[in-house]
């Protein structure tokens, strides 16, 4: 797993909320992601909420499992190569 610290950023677009996760995801990081999502949704309800995981540098299995509550909120996940990181 990468040594890059986990960061979670929220961008409120007109049509959706996007939460981007960068760095290495473990259980504590996944809980932070959930807390960030619920805080963003408490401020504004959105028809579409996206969890962008493409910039993750690594993860633990337990960290991925801890994302289950996010999925229960109806969040759509984006995974795969980070398009912004592609030359």
N, C-alpha and C. Protein backbone atom coordinates (compact mmCIF):
# COMPACT_ATOMS: atom_id res chain seq x y z
N UNK A 1 0.84 -1.17 0.00
CA UNK A 1 0.00 0.00 0.00
C UNK A 1 0.89 1.24 0.00
N UNK A 2 0.43 2.27 -0.66
CA UNK A 2 1.19 3.52 -0.78
C UNK A 2 1.30 4.23 0.56
N UNK A 3 2.35 5.03 0.69
CA UNK A 3 2.53 5.85 1.89
C UNK A 3 1.85 7.20 1.75
N UNK A 4 1.25 7.46 0.59
CA UNK A 4 0.58 8.75 0.39
C UNK A 4 -0.60 8.86 1.34
N UNK A 5 -0.69 9.98 2.09
CA UNK A 5 -1.81 10.13 3.02
C UNK A 5 -3.14 10.25 2.28
N UNK A 6 -4.17 9.80 2.92
CA UNK A 6 -5.50 9.86 2.34
C UNK A 6 -6.04 11.28 2.40
N UNK A 7 -6.59 11.74 1.28
CA UNK A 7 -7.32 13.00 1.27
C UNK A 7 -8.68 12.76 0.64
N UNK A 8 -9.66 13.48 1.14
CA UNK A 8 -11.02 13.37 0.64
C UNK A 8 -11.48 14.78 0.30
N UNK A 9 -11.90 14.99 -0.94
CA UNK A 9 -12.33 16.31 -1.39
C UNK A 9 -13.76 16.24 -1.91
N UNK A 10 -14.54 17.28 -1.64
CA UNK A 10 -15.93 17.36 -2.09
C UNK A 10 -16.06 18.52 -3.07
N UNK A 11 -16.67 18.23 -4.22
CA UNK A 11 -16.98 19.28 -5.18
C UNK A 11 -18.48 19.22 -5.43
N UNK A 12 -19.13 20.35 -5.23
CA UNK A 12 -20.58 20.45 -5.41
C UNK A 12 -20.86 21.04 -6.78
N UNK A 13 -21.20 20.19 -7.72
CA UNK A 13 -21.57 20.63 -9.07
C UNK A 13 -23.06 20.95 -9.06
N UNK A 14 -23.53 21.62 -10.08
CA UNK A 14 -24.95 21.97 -10.14
C UNK A 14 -25.84 20.73 -10.15
N UNK A 15 -25.38 19.68 -10.83
CA UNK A 15 -26.21 18.50 -10.99
C UNK A 15 -25.84 17.33 -10.08
N UNK A 16 -24.71 17.43 -9.38
CA UNK A 16 -24.28 16.30 -8.55
C UNK A 16 -23.20 16.73 -7.56
N UNK A 17 -22.98 15.87 -6.59
CA UNK A 17 -21.88 16.04 -5.64
C UNK A 17 -20.86 14.96 -5.96
N UNK A 18 -19.59 15.36 -6.05
CA UNK A 18 -18.52 14.41 -6.32
C UNK A 18 -17.55 14.42 -5.13
N UNK A 19 -17.32 13.24 -4.57
CA UNK A 19 -16.35 13.08 -3.48
C UNK A 19 -15.18 12.29 -4.06
N UNK A 20 -14.00 12.90 -4.05
CA UNK A 20 -12.81 12.28 -4.62
C UNK A 20 -11.88 11.82 -3.51
N UNK A 21 -11.42 10.58 -3.62
CA UNK A 21 -10.52 9.99 -2.64
C UNK A 21 -9.15 9.84 -3.29
N UNK A 22 -8.12 10.36 -2.63
CA UNK A 22 -6.74 10.24 -3.11
C UNK A 22 -5.90 9.62 -2.00
N UNK A 23 -4.94 8.80 -2.40
CA UNK A 23 -4.04 8.20 -1.43
C UNK A 23 -4.42 6.77 -1.12
N UNK A 24 -3.99 6.31 0.04
CA UNK A 24 -4.17 4.92 0.45
C UNK A 24 -5.39 4.80 1.37
N UNK A 25 -6.28 3.87 1.05
CA UNK A 25 -7.53 3.69 1.79
C UNK A 25 -7.43 2.50 2.74
N UNK A 26 -7.62 2.77 4.02
CA UNK A 26 -7.74 1.70 5.01
C UNK A 26 -9.08 1.88 5.72
N UNK A 27 -9.32 1.13 6.79
CA UNK A 27 -10.61 1.22 7.49
C UNK A 27 -10.90 2.62 8.00
N UNK A 28 -9.92 3.24 8.63
CA UNK A 28 -10.13 4.59 9.15
C UNK A 28 -10.41 5.58 8.02
N UNK A 29 -9.71 5.42 6.91
CA UNK A 29 -9.93 6.28 5.76
C UNK A 29 -11.33 6.11 5.19
N UNK A 30 -11.81 4.88 5.13
CA UNK A 30 -13.15 4.62 4.62
C UNK A 30 -14.20 5.25 5.53
N UNK A 31 -13.96 5.23 6.83
CA UNK A 31 -14.89 5.89 7.75
C UNK A 31 -14.89 7.40 7.51
N UNK A 32 -13.72 7.96 7.22
CA UNK A 32 -13.62 9.38 6.89
C UNK A 32 -14.40 9.69 5.61
N UNK A 33 -14.31 8.82 4.63
CA UNK A 33 -15.06 9.00 3.39
C UNK A 33 -16.56 9.02 3.69
N UNK A 34 -17.03 8.08 4.50
CA UNK A 34 -18.45 8.02 4.86
C UNK A 34 -18.88 9.29 5.60
N UNK A 35 -18.08 9.72 6.56
CA UNK A 35 -18.41 10.94 7.31
C UNK A 35 -18.45 12.15 6.39
N UNK A 36 -17.54 12.22 5.44
CA UNK A 36 -17.52 13.32 4.48
C UNK A 36 -18.76 13.30 3.60
N UNK A 37 -19.12 12.11 3.12
CA UNK A 37 -20.32 11.98 2.29
C UNK A 37 -21.58 12.41 3.05
N UNK A 38 -21.74 11.92 4.26
CA UNK A 38 -22.95 12.25 5.01
C UNK A 38 -22.98 13.73 5.36
N UNK A 39 -21.82 14.34 5.63
CA UNK A 39 -21.78 15.78 5.91
C UNK A 39 -22.16 16.57 4.66
N UNK A 40 -21.67 16.16 3.50
CA UNK A 40 -22.02 16.86 2.25
C UNK A 40 -23.51 16.74 1.97
N UNK A 41 -24.07 15.56 2.22
CA UNK A 41 -25.50 15.37 1.98
C UNK A 41 -26.37 16.09 3.00
N UNK A 42 -25.83 16.36 4.17
CA UNK A 42 -26.57 17.12 5.18
C UNK A 42 -26.68 18.58 4.78
N UNK A 43 -25.69 19.06 4.03
CA UNK A 43 -25.70 20.45 3.57
C UNK A 43 -26.63 20.61 2.37
N UNK A 44 -26.58 19.66 1.45
CA UNK A 44 -27.42 19.74 0.25
C UNK A 44 -27.74 18.35 -0.26
N UNK A 45 -29.01 18.11 -0.44
CA UNK A 45 -29.44 16.85 -1.03
C UNK A 45 -29.19 16.93 -2.53
N UNK A 46 -28.64 15.87 -3.08
CA UNK A 46 -28.34 15.84 -4.51
C UNK A 46 -28.98 14.62 -5.13
N UNK A 47 -29.42 14.77 -6.37
CA UNK A 47 -29.99 13.63 -7.09
C UNK A 47 -28.92 12.59 -7.40
N UNK A 48 -27.71 13.05 -7.61
CA UNK A 48 -26.62 12.13 -7.94
C UNK A 48 -25.41 12.43 -7.06
N UNK A 49 -24.88 11.39 -6.45
CA UNK A 49 -23.68 11.51 -5.64
C UNK A 49 -22.67 10.50 -6.17
N UNK A 50 -21.48 10.98 -6.44
CA UNK A 50 -20.45 10.14 -7.04
C UNK A 50 -19.25 10.05 -6.11
N UNK A 51 -18.77 8.85 -5.92
CA UNK A 51 -17.56 8.59 -5.15
C UNK A 51 -16.47 8.21 -6.14
N UNK A 52 -15.53 9.11 -6.37
CA UNK A 52 -14.48 8.92 -7.36
C UNK A 52 -13.26 8.30 -6.67
N UNK A 53 -13.01 7.03 -6.96
CA UNK A 53 -11.92 6.29 -6.34
C UNK A 53 -10.73 6.11 -7.29
N UNK A 54 -10.76 6.77 -8.42
CA UNK A 54 -9.72 6.55 -9.44
C UNK A 54 -8.34 7.03 -9.02
N UNK A 55 -8.25 7.93 -8.06
CA UNK A 55 -6.95 8.46 -7.64
C UNK A 55 -6.39 7.75 -6.41
N UNK A 56 -7.04 6.66 -5.99
CA UNK A 56 -6.51 5.91 -4.85
C UNK A 56 -5.17 5.30 -5.24
N UNK A 57 -4.23 5.34 -4.31
CA UNK A 57 -2.90 4.79 -4.55
C UNK A 57 -2.77 3.38 -3.99
N UNK A 58 -3.75 2.92 -3.28
CA UNK A 58 -3.74 1.60 -2.69
C UNK A 58 -4.87 1.49 -1.69
N UNK A 59 -5.12 0.27 -1.23
CA UNK A 59 -6.21 0.05 -0.30
C UNK A 59 -6.03 -1.27 0.40
N UNK A 60 -6.71 -1.39 1.52
CA UNK A 60 -6.78 -2.68 2.20
C UNK A 60 -8.16 -3.27 1.92
N UNK A 61 -8.26 -4.57 2.02
CA UNK A 61 -9.56 -5.22 1.82
C UNK A 61 -10.57 -4.71 2.83
N UNK A 62 -10.14 -4.55 4.07
CA UNK A 62 -11.06 -4.05 5.10
C UNK A 62 -11.46 -2.61 4.81
N UNK A 63 -10.57 -1.83 4.20
CA UNK A 63 -10.92 -0.46 3.82
C UNK A 63 -12.02 -0.44 2.77
N UNK A 64 -11.90 -1.32 1.78
CA UNK A 64 -12.95 -1.40 0.76
C UNK A 64 -14.27 -1.86 1.36
N UNK A 65 -14.21 -2.82 2.28
CA UNK A 65 -15.44 -3.29 2.92
C UNK A 65 -16.13 -2.18 3.71
N UNK A 66 -15.32 -1.31 4.30
CA UNK A 66 -15.87 -0.21 5.09
C UNK A 66 -16.57 0.84 4.22
N UNK A 67 -16.44 0.74 2.91
CA UNK A 67 -17.16 1.65 2.01
C UNK A 67 -18.62 1.22 1.80
N UNK A 68 -18.99 0.03 2.27
CA UNK A 68 -20.37 -0.46 2.11
C UNK A 68 -21.43 0.54 2.55
N UNK A 69 -21.27 1.21 3.70
CA UNK A 69 -22.30 2.19 4.09
C UNK A 69 -22.45 3.32 3.07
N UNK A 70 -21.38 3.66 2.36
CA UNK A 70 -21.48 4.69 1.32
C UNK A 70 -22.38 4.19 0.19
N UNK A 71 -22.21 2.94 -0.18
CA UNK A 71 -23.04 2.37 -1.24
C UNK A 71 -24.50 2.31 -0.83
N UNK A 72 -24.74 2.09 0.45
CA UNK A 72 -26.12 2.04 0.95
C UNK A 72 -26.81 3.40 0.82
N UNK A 73 -26.02 4.47 0.70
CA UNK A 73 -26.58 5.81 0.50
C UNK A 73 -26.98 6.05 -0.96
N UNK A 74 -26.70 5.08 -1.82
CA UNK A 74 -27.02 5.23 -3.23
C UNK A 74 -25.93 5.92 -4.03
N UNK A 75 -24.74 5.91 -3.49
CA UNK A 75 -23.61 6.57 -4.13
C UNK A 75 -23.12 5.72 -5.31
N UNK A 76 -22.79 6.39 -6.39
CA UNK A 76 -22.21 5.72 -7.56
C UNK A 76 -20.70 5.82 -7.46
N UNK A 77 -20.00 4.69 -7.60
CA UNK A 77 -18.54 4.67 -7.51
C UNK A 77 -17.91 4.67 -8.88
N UNK A 78 -16.82 5.42 -9.00
CA UNK A 78 -16.00 5.41 -10.21
C UNK A 78 -14.66 4.82 -9.83
N UNK A 79 -14.26 3.77 -10.53
CA UNK A 79 -12.98 3.12 -10.25
C UNK A 79 -12.23 2.96 -11.57
N UNK A 80 -10.97 2.63 -11.46
CA UNK A 80 -10.15 2.44 -12.65
C UNK A 80 -9.06 3.49 -12.71
N UNK A 81 -8.33 3.56 -13.81
CA UNK A 81 -7.25 4.54 -13.93
C UNK A 81 -7.79 5.96 -13.83
N UNK A 82 -7.02 6.80 -13.18
CA UNK A 82 -7.37 8.21 -13.05
C UNK A 82 -7.07 8.89 -14.38
N UNK A 83 -8.11 9.35 -15.07
CA UNK A 83 -7.94 9.96 -16.38
C UNK A 83 -7.03 11.18 -16.32
N UNK A 84 -7.05 11.91 -15.22
CA UNK A 84 -6.21 13.10 -15.08
C UNK A 84 -4.74 12.73 -14.96
N UNK A 85 -4.44 11.52 -14.52
CA UNK A 85 -3.05 11.10 -14.32
C UNK A 85 -2.46 10.50 -15.60
N UNK A 86 -3.27 10.29 -16.61
CA UNK A 86 -2.81 9.69 -17.85
C UNK A 86 -2.16 10.76 -18.72
N UNK A 87 -0.92 10.53 -19.18
CA UNK A 87 -0.25 11.56 -20.01
C UNK A 87 -0.90 11.72 -21.35
